[in-house]
Every structure is written in structure tokens, then in C-alpha cells.
Protein backbone atom coordinates (compact mmCIF):
# COMPACT_ATOMS: atom_id res chain seq x y z
CA MET A 1 -21.16 3.58 -7.44
CA HIS A 2 -21.23 -0.16 -6.90
CA LEU A 3 -18.63 -1.59 -4.54
CA ILE A 4 -19.83 -4.92 -3.44
CA ASN A 5 -18.39 -6.92 -6.33
CA PRO A 6 -16.06 -4.73 -8.34
CA GLN A 7 -14.95 -7.51 -10.72
CA GLU A 8 -18.51 -8.21 -11.65
CA VAL A 9 -19.21 -4.49 -12.21
CA LEU A 10 -16.12 -4.27 -14.37
CA SER A 11 -17.11 -7.08 -16.44
CA LYS A 12 -20.28 -5.33 -17.46
CA ILE A 13 -18.69 -2.09 -18.29
CA ASP A 14 -18.61 -1.49 -22.10
CA GLY A 15 -15.60 0.54 -23.05
CA VAL A 16 -11.92 1.33 -22.08
CA VAL A 17 -12.48 4.85 -20.97
CA GLU A 18 -15.23 3.89 -18.61
CA ALA A 19 -13.56 0.87 -17.11
CA LYS A 20 -10.29 3.05 -16.34
CA ASN A 21 -12.47 5.50 -14.73
CA TYR A 22 -14.06 2.94 -12.58
CA ILE A 23 -10.78 1.39 -11.62
CA GLN A 24 -9.38 5.00 -10.91
CA LYS A 25 -12.25 5.60 -8.45
CA ILE A 26 -11.65 2.28 -6.79
CA LYS A 27 -8.04 3.38 -6.18
CA LEU A 28 -9.11 6.72 -4.88
CA ILE A 29 -11.83 4.96 -2.55
CA ARG A 30 -9.04 2.41 -1.27
CA HIS A 31 -6.51 5.55 -0.51
CA LEU A 32 -9.17 7.16 1.60
CA TYR A 33 -10.23 3.91 3.32
CA GLN A 34 -6.71 2.98 4.19
CA LYS A 35 -4.98 6.42 5.06
CA GLY A 36 -8.10 8.44 5.91
CA ALA A 37 -8.70 12.09 5.02
CA SER A 38 -6.57 13.39 2.35
CA THR A 39 -6.09 16.47 0.00
CA ALA A 40 -6.28 16.18 -3.68
CA ASN A 41 -2.66 16.53 -4.00
CA GLY A 42 -1.96 13.90 -1.49
CA ILE A 43 -4.24 11.59 -3.40
CA CYS A 44 -2.37 12.29 -6.65
CA SER A 45 1.02 11.53 -5.34
CA ASP A 46 -0.10 8.28 -3.73
CA ILE A 47 -1.99 6.75 -6.50
CA GLY A 48 -0.30 8.31 -9.53
CA ILE A 49 -3.31 10.27 -11.11
CA SER A 50 -3.13 13.73 -12.51
CA LEU A 51 -4.61 16.54 -10.32
CA PRO A 52 -7.35 17.43 -13.01
CA THR A 53 -8.48 13.64 -13.04
CA VAL A 54 -8.48 13.42 -9.16
CA GLN A 55 -10.74 16.41 -8.90
CA SER A 56 -13.11 15.12 -11.49
CA LEU A 57 -13.28 11.84 -9.74
CA LEU A 58 -13.85 13.52 -6.33
CA THR A 59 -16.70 15.43 -8.09
CA ASP A 60 -18.27 12.21 -9.20
CA LEU A 61 -17.81 10.44 -5.84
CA ILE A 62 -19.17 13.38 -3.93
CA GLN A 63 -22.37 13.49 -6.04
CA SER A 64 -22.83 9.66 -5.75
CA GLY A 65 -22.34 10.01 -1.85
CA GLU A 66 -19.16 7.84 -1.29
CA VAL A 67 -16.94 10.93 -0.55
CA SER A 68 -17.55 14.14 1.26
CA LYS A 69 -15.47 17.23 2.35
CA GLN A 70 -13.96 17.26 5.81
CA GLY A 71 -12.80 20.79 6.30
CA ARG A 72 -9.20 22.08 5.18
CA ALA A 73 -5.78 20.78 5.83
CA ALA A 74 -2.95 22.80 7.14
CA SER A 75 -1.59 25.59 4.72
CA GLN A 76 1.62 24.81 2.90
CA GLY A 77 1.87 28.29 1.85
CA GLY A 78 -1.16 30.06 0.41
CA ARG A 79 -4.76 28.97 0.65
CA LYS A 80 -5.52 25.80 2.87
CA PRO A 81 -6.41 22.91 0.78
CA ASP A 82 -9.82 20.99 0.92
CA LEU A 83 -9.57 17.65 2.94
CA TYR A 84 -11.65 14.69 1.54
CA ALA A 85 -12.80 11.55 3.22
CA LEU A 86 -15.01 8.50 2.67
CA ALA A 87 -18.64 9.27 4.02
CA SER A 88 -19.32 7.24 7.10
CA HIS A 89 -22.23 5.48 5.39
CA ALA A 90 -20.13 4.66 1.98
CA PHE A 91 -20.13 1.03 2.98
CA TYR A 92 -19.74 -1.10 5.93
CA VAL A 93 -17.54 -4.18 7.13
CA LEU A 94 -18.81 -7.18 9.31
CA SER A 95 -15.90 -8.37 11.62
CA VAL A 96 -16.09 -11.76 13.08
CA ASP A 97 -13.72 -12.55 16.10
CA ILE A 98 -13.60 -16.43 16.66
CA SER A 99 -12.02 -17.91 19.87
CA LYS A 100 -11.89 -21.38 20.98
CA TYR A 101 -15.04 -21.24 22.92
CA SER A 102 -16.96 -18.32 21.50
CA MET A 103 -17.49 -15.91 18.53
CA SER A 104 -18.07 -12.18 18.50
CA MET A 105 -19.17 -10.03 15.72
CA ALA A 106 -20.01 -6.38 14.90
CA LEU A 107 -20.46 -3.86 11.96
CA TYR A 108 -18.00 -1.27 11.35
CA ASN A 109 -18.38 1.80 8.92
CA CYS A 110 -15.80 2.79 6.54
CA GLN A 111 -14.05 5.06 9.19
CA HIS A 112 -13.57 2.03 11.48
CA ASP A 113 -16.39 2.97 13.93
CA GLN A 114 -18.49 0.30 15.40
CA VAL A 115 -22.06 1.01 14.34
CA GLN A 116 -24.04 -1.69 15.55
CA GLU A 117 -23.90 -3.52 18.97
CA LYS A 118 -21.28 -6.36 19.42
CA LYS A 119 -22.93 -9.77 19.52
CA ILE A 120 -21.31 -12.75 21.45
CA GLN A 121 -22.25 -16.41 20.86
CA LYS A 122 -20.99 -19.59 22.55
CA ILE A 123 -19.42 -22.15 20.41
CA THR A 124 -16.84 -24.90 20.63
CA LEU A 125 -14.34 -24.51 17.62
CA ASN A 126 -13.46 -27.90 15.98
CA ASN A 127 -13.70 -29.58 12.60
CA GLU A 128 -17.38 -30.45 12.62
CA LYS A 129 -19.74 -28.98 9.89
CA LYS A 130 -22.48 -28.10 12.17
CA THR A 131 -20.02 -25.84 13.92
CA PHE A 132 -19.46 -24.10 10.46
CA ASP A 133 -23.30 -23.98 10.09
CA THR A 134 -23.63 -22.47 13.56
CA ILE A 135 -21.34 -19.59 12.82
CA CYS A 136 -22.96 -18.98 9.54
CA ASP A 137 -26.48 -19.03 11.18
CA ALA A 138 -25.16 -16.76 13.84
CA ILE A 139 -23.86 -14.15 11.17
CA GLU A 140 -26.92 -14.42 8.86
CA GLU A 141 -29.01 -13.79 12.04
CA TYR A 142 -26.96 -10.76 12.99
CA LEU A 143 -27.12 -9.19 9.46
CA MET A 144 -30.92 -9.65 9.38
CA SER A 145 -31.26 -7.76 12.45
CA SER A 146 -29.29 -4.87 11.18
CA SER A 147 -30.87 -1.49 9.91
CA PHE A 148 -28.15 -1.06 7.20
CA SER A 149 -28.65 -2.31 3.55
CA ALA A 150 -27.25 -5.56 2.85
CA GLU A 151 -25.75 -3.90 -0.23
CA LYS A 152 -23.88 -1.56 1.85
CA ILE A 153 -22.19 -4.40 3.85
CA ILE A 154 -19.52 -5.45 1.21
CA ALA A 155 -17.04 -7.60 3.01
CA VAL A 156 -16.55 -9.80 5.98
CA GLY A 157 -13.26 -10.14 7.97
CA PHE A 158 -12.63 -13.21 10.08
CA SER A 159 -10.07 -13.38 12.86
CA MET A 160 -9.63 -16.91 14.18
CA PRO A 161 -6.96 -19.15 15.87
CA GLY A 162 -5.30 -22.13 14.12
CA LEU A 163 -2.55 -22.96 11.49
CA LEU A 164 -4.23 -20.84 8.95
CA ASP A 165 -2.75 -20.64 5.47
CA ALA A 166 -3.79 -17.04 4.53
CA TYR A 167 -2.88 -17.77 0.85
CA THR A 168 -5.28 -20.76 0.23
CA GLY A 169 -7.87 -19.84 3.08
CA ILE A 170 -7.42 -23.33 4.73
CA ASN A 171 -7.16 -23.62 8.43
CA TYR A 172 -5.33 -26.87 8.93
CA THR A 173 -6.36 -26.68 12.89
CA TYR A 174 -10.20 -25.73 12.92
CA LEU A 175 -13.10 -25.87 10.40
CA ARG A 176 -11.22 -28.11 7.98
CA PHE A 177 -13.41 -30.06 5.59
CA GLY A 178 -10.89 -31.94 3.39
CA GLU A 179 -8.80 -29.44 1.11
CA GLN A 180 -11.75 -27.23 0.74
CA SER A 181 -10.98 -23.27 1.22
CA LEU A 182 -12.70 -21.97 4.17
CA VAL A 183 -12.77 -18.53 2.38
CA GLU A 184 -14.76 -20.16 -0.44
CA LEU A 185 -17.04 -21.91 1.76
CA PHE A 186 -17.99 -18.70 3.76
CA GLU A 187 -18.33 -16.69 0.56
CA LYS A 188 -20.66 -19.33 -0.85
CA ARG A 189 -22.81 -19.35 2.30
CA LEU A 190 -22.83 -15.62 3.14
CA LYS A 191 -22.69 -14.11 -0.41
CA LYS A 192 -20.14 -11.53 0.49
CA LYS A 193 -16.45 -11.04 0.00
CA VAL A 194 -14.57 -12.72 2.85
CA PHE A 195 -11.16 -12.31 4.15
CA ILE A 196 -9.62 -14.71 6.87
CA GLU A 197 -6.44 -14.32 8.93
CA ASN A 198 -4.86 -16.13 11.94
CA ASP A 199 -6.15 -14.12 15.10
CA ALA A 200 -2.56 -13.17 16.29
CA ARG A 201 -1.63 -11.62 12.78
CA ALA A 202 -4.84 -9.91 12.48
CA MET A 203 -4.64 -8.50 15.98
CA THR A 204 -1.13 -7.43 15.30
CA LEU A 205 -2.34 -5.67 12.06
CA ALA A 206 -5.15 -3.81 13.99
CA GLU A 207 -2.73 -2.50 16.71
CA CYS A 208 -0.40 -1.39 13.89
CA LYS A 209 -3.16 0.51 12.03
CA PHE A 210 -5.27 1.58 14.84
CA GLY A 211 -3.44 1.22 18.17
CA ALA A 212 -0.03 0.74 19.78
CA GLY A 213 2.01 0.36 16.72
CA LYS A 214 0.95 3.14 14.59
CA GLU A 215 4.20 5.00 14.60
CA ALA A 216 6.29 1.85 14.15
CA LYS A 217 7.42 -0.10 10.94
CA ASN A 218 8.85 -3.24 12.67
CA VAL A 219 6.74 -4.87 15.16
CA LEU A 220 5.99 -8.02 16.90
CA GLY A 221 2.48 -8.64 18.44
CA ILE A 222 2.51 -11.33 20.96
CA PHE A 223 -1.21 -12.26 22.09
CA VAL A 224 -1.58 -14.65 25.12
CA GLY A 225 -5.16 -16.10 25.59
CA TRP A 226 -5.60 -19.82 25.88
CA GLY A 227 -2.70 -20.31 23.55
CA ILE A 228 0.10 -17.96 22.28
CA GLY A 229 -0.11 -16.22 19.07
CA LEU A 230 2.63 -14.07 17.29
CA GLY A 231 2.22 -11.48 14.38
CA ILE A 232 5.16 -10.24 12.65
CA VAL A 233 5.24 -6.84 10.81
CA ILE A 234 8.18 -6.05 8.76
CA GLN A 235 8.43 -2.44 7.14
CA GLY A 236 4.76 -1.95 7.92
CA LYS A 237 3.59 -5.31 6.26
CA ILE A 238 2.29 -8.53 8.02
CA TYR A 239 4.91 -11.22 7.18
CA GLN A 240 3.13 -14.55 6.47
CA GLY A 241 5.96 -16.67 5.21
CA SER A 242 6.13 -18.84 2.13
CA SER A 243 3.13 -20.92 3.19
CA GLY A 244 1.14 -18.48 5.19
CA PHE A 245 2.24 -20.00 8.59
CA ALA A 246 4.73 -17.56 9.84
CA GLY A 247 4.41 -16.78 13.68
CA GLU A 248 4.01 -20.23 14.97
CA PHE A 249 6.20 -19.13 17.84
CA ALA A 250 4.07 -20.95 20.70
CA HIS A 251 5.15 -24.54 19.54
CA SER A 252 8.83 -23.81 19.42
CA PRO A 253 10.79 -26.23 21.86
CA LEU A 254 11.97 -23.34 24.01
CA VAL A 255 12.00 -25.18 27.55
CA GLU A 256 14.57 -27.52 28.36
CA SER A 257 12.39 -29.79 30.71
CA SER A 258 8.80 -29.87 31.02
CA GLU A 259 6.64 -32.44 32.46
CA VAL A 260 3.60 -31.01 30.70
CA SER A 261 2.67 -31.86 27.09
CA CYS A 262 1.48 -29.12 24.65
CA THR A 263 -1.76 -29.05 22.84
CA CYS A 264 0.40 -29.85 19.90
CA GLY A 265 1.64 -33.21 21.48
CA LYS A 266 5.21 -32.10 22.10
CA LYS A 267 6.88 -31.33 25.27
CA GLY A 268 8.97 -28.42 26.03
CA CYS A 269 6.77 -25.88 23.83
CA LEU A 270 6.60 -22.41 25.11
CA GLU A 271 2.70 -22.70 25.09
CA ALA A 272 2.91 -25.52 27.53
CA VAL A 273 4.41 -23.22 30.26
CA ALA A 274 3.44 -19.62 29.14
CA SER A 275 0.00 -19.62 27.94
CA GLY A 276 -3.55 -18.96 29.34
CA THR A 277 -3.88 -22.86 29.33
CA SER A 278 -0.92 -23.41 31.61
CA LEU A 279 -1.90 -20.32 33.73
CA VAL A 280 -5.24 -22.01 34.64
CA ARG A 281 -3.56 -25.41 35.05
CA MET A 282 -1.20 -23.85 37.60
CA ALA A 283 -4.11 -21.97 39.11
CA LYS A 284 -5.92 -25.25 39.69
CA GLU A 285 -3.02 -26.67 41.52
CA GLN A 286 -2.77 -23.61 44.00
CA ILE A 287 -6.49 -23.73 44.59
CA GLN A 288 -5.97 -27.53 45.93
CA GLN A 289 -3.43 -25.99 48.36
CA ASP A 290 -5.47 -22.96 49.41
CA LYS A 291 -9.21 -23.22 49.18
CA GLU A 292 -9.76 -19.98 50.87
CA SER A 293 -7.74 -17.80 48.58
CA ILE A 294 -9.23 -14.89 46.58
CA LEU A 295 -9.13 -16.91 43.47
CA ALA A 296 -10.92 -19.88 45.08
CA ARG A 297 -13.59 -17.70 46.45
CA MET A 298 -14.22 -15.94 43.15
CA ILE A 299 -14.66 -19.32 41.46
CA LEU A 300 -17.30 -20.30 43.99
CA GLU A 301 -18.96 -16.88 43.53
CA ARG A 302 -19.13 -17.21 39.62
CA LYS A 303 -19.91 -20.89 39.50
CA GLY A 304 -18.18 -21.05 36.35
CA ASP A 305 -15.23 -22.54 34.72
CA LEU A 306 -11.78 -21.20 35.60
CA GLU A 307 -10.45 -19.08 32.82
CA PRO A 308 -7.38 -16.95 32.43
CA GLU A 309 -9.28 -13.71 32.72
CA LEU A 310 -10.30 -14.82 36.30
CA VAL A 311 -6.66 -15.67 37.23
CA VAL A 312 -5.65 -12.10 36.10
CA GLU A 313 -8.74 -10.57 37.98
CA ALA A 314 -7.57 -12.38 41.16
CA ALA A 315 -4.04 -11.21 40.85
CA LEU A 316 -5.42 -7.50 40.42
CA ALA A 317 -7.35 -7.92 43.60
CA GLY A 318 -4.29 -8.91 45.52
CA ASP A 319 -4.17 -12.83 45.31
CA GLN A 320 -0.49 -13.62 46.14
CA ARG A 321 -0.58 -17.07 44.51
CA ALA A 322 -2.13 -15.62 41.19
CA ILE A 323 0.59 -13.05 41.26
CA THR A 324 3.21 -15.58 41.59
CA ILE A 325 1.66 -17.69 38.80
CA LEU A 326 1.68 -14.63 36.60
CA SER A 327 5.30 -13.92 37.35
CA GLU A 328 6.41 -17.38 36.35
CA VAL A 329 4.36 -17.40 33.15
CA GLY A 330 5.86 -13.80 32.29
CA ILE A 331 9.51 -15.05 32.96
CA ASP A 332 9.13 -18.11 30.63
CA LEU A 333 7.38 -15.80 28.07
CA GLY A 334 10.29 -13.24 28.25
CA ARG A 335 12.77 -16.19 27.72
CA GLY A 336 10.93 -16.91 24.38
CA ILE A 337 10.75 -13.10 23.49
CA SER A 338 14.49 -12.70 24.05
CA MET A 339 15.13 -15.12 20.97
CA LEU A 340 12.76 -13.22 18.90
CA ILE A 341 14.45 -9.86 19.76
CA GLN A 342 17.81 -11.35 18.77
CA LEU A 343 16.56 -12.81 15.51
CA LEU A 344 14.28 -9.96 14.25
CA ASN A 345 15.54 -6.78 16.15
CA PRO A 346 12.03 -5.25 16.30
CA GLU A 347 11.43 -1.67 17.13
CA GLN A 348 8.36 -2.59 19.24
CA ILE A 349 6.92 -5.50 21.00
CA ILE A 350 3.08 -5.48 21.62
CA ILE A 351 1.76 -7.72 24.54
CA GLY A 352 -1.86 -8.31 24.16
CA GLY A 353 -4.67 -10.75 25.15
CA ALA A 354 -6.18 -11.96 28.36
CA ILE A 355 -2.88 -12.08 30.08
CA ALA A 356 -1.93 -8.50 29.29
CA GLU A 357 -4.81 -7.43 31.41
CA ALA A 358 -2.51 -8.11 34.25
CA LYS A 359 -0.51 -5.20 33.21
CA HIS A 360 2.67 -4.85 35.58
CA TYR A 361 2.30 -8.24 37.01
CA VAL A 362 3.18 -9.85 33.52
CA ILE A 363 5.04 -7.05 31.91
CA THR A 364 7.60 -6.64 34.86
CA PRO A 365 8.78 -10.32 34.77
CA ILE A 366 8.83 -10.29 30.95
CA GLN A 367 11.25 -7.39 31.03
CA GLN A 368 13.26 -9.11 33.75
CA ALA A 369 13.77 -12.13 31.55
CA LEU A 370 14.88 -9.96 28.63
CA ASN A 371 17.51 -8.45 30.92
CA ILE A 372 18.81 -11.90 31.73
CA TYR A 373 18.43 -13.81 28.60
CA CYS A 374 18.63 -11.05 25.68
CA MET A 375 21.91 -9.24 24.48
CA ALA A 376 21.88 -5.76 25.75
CA LYS A 377 22.72 -4.10 22.47
CA SER A 378 19.81 -6.22 20.77
CA ARG A 379 17.20 -5.06 23.26
CA GLU A 380 18.06 -1.46 24.03
CA LYS A 381 16.01 0.06 21.16
CA THR A 382 13.15 -2.31 21.31
CA GLN A 383 10.06 -1.00 23.24
CA LEU A 384 7.86 -3.30 25.30
CA VAL A 385 4.33 -1.98 25.44
CA LEU A 386 0.88 -3.26 26.18
CA TYR A 387 -1.72 -3.27 23.63
CA HIS A 388 -3.77 -0.23 23.29
CA LEU A 389 -7.14 -1.56 21.66
CA GLY A 390 -8.11 -3.92 24.59
CA LYS A 391 -10.95 -6.36 24.25
CA GLU A 392 -11.99 -4.93 20.95
CA VAL A 393 -8.79 -5.87 19.36
CA GLY A 394 -10.00 -9.19 17.75
CA LEU A 395 -12.92 -7.38 16.10
CA LEU A 396 -10.72 -4.72 14.95
CA GLY A 397 -8.29 -7.39 13.63
CA GLY A 398 -10.85 -8.44 11.04
CA VAL A 399 -11.45 -4.74 10.18
CA ALA A 400 -7.71 -4.20 9.73
CA LEU A 401 -7.68 -7.24 7.53
CA VAL A 402 -10.45 -6.07 5.24
CA ASN A 403 -8.78 -2.45 5.25
CA GLU A 404 -5.49 -4.08 4.01
CA LYS A 405 -7.06 -6.54 1.36
CA LEU A 406 -10.25 -4.77 0.03
CA PHE A 407 -10.02 -3.83 -3.60
CA GLU A 408 -6.40 -5.28 -3.81
CA GLU A 409 -7.16 -7.17 -6.93
CA MET A 410 -8.68 -4.26 -8.55
CA VAL A 411 -5.84 -1.79 -7.87
CA SER A 412 -3.16 -4.21 -9.04
CA ARG A 413 -4.68 -4.21 -12.82
């Protein structure tokens, strides 16, 4: 069965019955891709197709290699029903996680397992065409090195920072070339179906599909790296807002007085005092006061630029100045989160990103701030947790995006 371009395949099908059969197969594949192994009855109830039709479709897909039996489900009284799942080799997805200074990519099978070693490349994200070309060159080189058939790699999911309109595919912060859609530019160059989402929204989606938020329906994902990103999940769906910009929490003026300007040009933004950028700024100030600290020695040993991860590592090694800085950042972050709780009343807040690796050194001050600034009744049923997917969350964000969007146009027919 051809999955790489369903719309193109459908246009070549001659006959209503054959076209309907193809669309039903796409719906079945989408069901198994999003929800995992299922029984024939489970598929029927989800996609609204009769049991005989589902059994016929499953027989065809097993013969063509897209679906395989995965044992039996628990008995509901009587014979245990067969479980069906996508074959691990049915198709593959390339995920690309772009940050401000690097990009990483990896191939995943349709069961969301990484099947080719991750590759990391240094870049500086900006609005230059050569940066776009560098990204595409790296992707093409990575795909050429793959042992998997190009036809089996059916989509690319991008997770990246910036003010990204998920509806038009334009990133108003990075890789903006006039009013051209970044999705269209990537699809033209890579010859693959492309999906792009803001990194925080993509990572929140990943945690809800594969990580800490699997059991929750109303979730906030707050990811702190160089900046601060927010993903909002309402009733199990990513909330994007009317223009696709929902979640620009970092640039809300939440600090009454601040000497530090934010990257957006304003003063008083949360990002100016509670991001990885502010963490590094405060750490540099502390190093000037104590050049014998654990952090100062780490920088000399590594002979590299100071990054948020290094401040966290120093805190975990016992550097008291680094611990104090993280506490200050956590308090400011908690002040902002308290407003989100009172506005949105989520059942779960997931803290992720480089700063989350500090664990209790950042979670404890956040919780202290919530106790101070948030109404007790508003916060009592909100669970504050660390992300589960760790450093792979960005790549899994691209996978989660494809999982959510792939075949969407087809199944809406």
C-alpha cells in the first residue's frame, strides 16, 4: 500500500469502491499509529466501519505487510480477541529538533522507536538562507546514510523555537524569507510531507502522548532552555489559538521592576529573569565574585562557552552559588506559573528542558512560589511534575507532531 502521498495515490484510483477502500485503510492505519495495538472491535468503534469490513481490510494489510498480529487481548467473556498493530517496518518518520545553536535528527519507526543513531549538528538559527540550506544539507546527508528505503520514510516532523504560526507554516522569528511558508520550502527541498510546530508545543504533545502526561487531559508543558516555552493541552488537544501563537507566556510582563531587557526588547518579561539566558547571565556575575567556585573550575576545564546545562551540573555537584541562582529562577518561574494555574486550572504542569535537570533545586522553589502566589483552591488538584522523556523530548516532539497530523486530510474526507 502506498503511504508516501495518499492524495496523489487517490487521484490515480479509478472507481468509487476502490477509493473508499483505500481511505478506509488509511483510517485503520492512522488508528493503529495513534493508539497502538487494537482489536478488530476496537477499530470498528473508533473509525465507524463494520466488523466484516475491518476484518477484510486487516487481511489485506497483513498480506501487504503494513499490519501484523500481536498476540491476544484480555478476554471480555469468551475467546480472547486477536490484537493487531502496525508492523514496525511499515513506515518511518524523520524527526528534526532545532534549537538556537544546534539541530539533532533521528529516524523513528511507526511504533515510535528510534531506529537510526541520532545525529547532532551545530548551527546558529537566524533568518539567513544559507542556514536553511545548511539544515537541508544535513538532513539529506543523514537520509542518504540511512539503510532504510527512501519510500518508507513518509514524513518529517520539525520542532523549533520562535513565533511559529502552525496554520500557515511561517516562523516569524527564524528562517523567515518574506511571507513564504517554511513548510512549503522544506517540502520542496526534501520531497517529503513536512509538519512544523513550535518546540514547546511539540514537546508538550510528546509528553502527553509518550511521557508524563499520558493520563491527563488538561496539561501545561513549561520548557526552560535558553528561553521559556509553553505548550497548552486542553481536553487532550494542543491549543494553538486563532493565529497559532498560543503559549507566548515568556514575554508576558510579569516582573514589576527589572534592569534586564528581554530578547524581545521589553523589560519585565518572565524570560528576562527565569530563563536559561538569565541563568547564564547571573552565573557569569557570580563567577566574577568567586573564581574558585565549582562552576568557575568547570568552565576552565571544559574550555567552552557557559551554557544553562553547566550551571545545573555545578548545582548538582554542590556549588552553592549555582544552587542559589536556580532557586531565584525557580521562584520567578513559580510566580508566572501561579497566574497560569488561576487562568487555566490544569490538572498537570510538566516542567522540562535544561533547567528541569536540576530536579529538586528548581522544583522546590517553584512549589514555594505557588504556595505564596496562587490561591490554595486553584492549585490543590494541580500536579507539578518533571518531564519523563528527558533529552529525547525534542525529537519525540517531532514524532508526536507527525503522529497527530499524518493522514489528517485523508480521514476528514
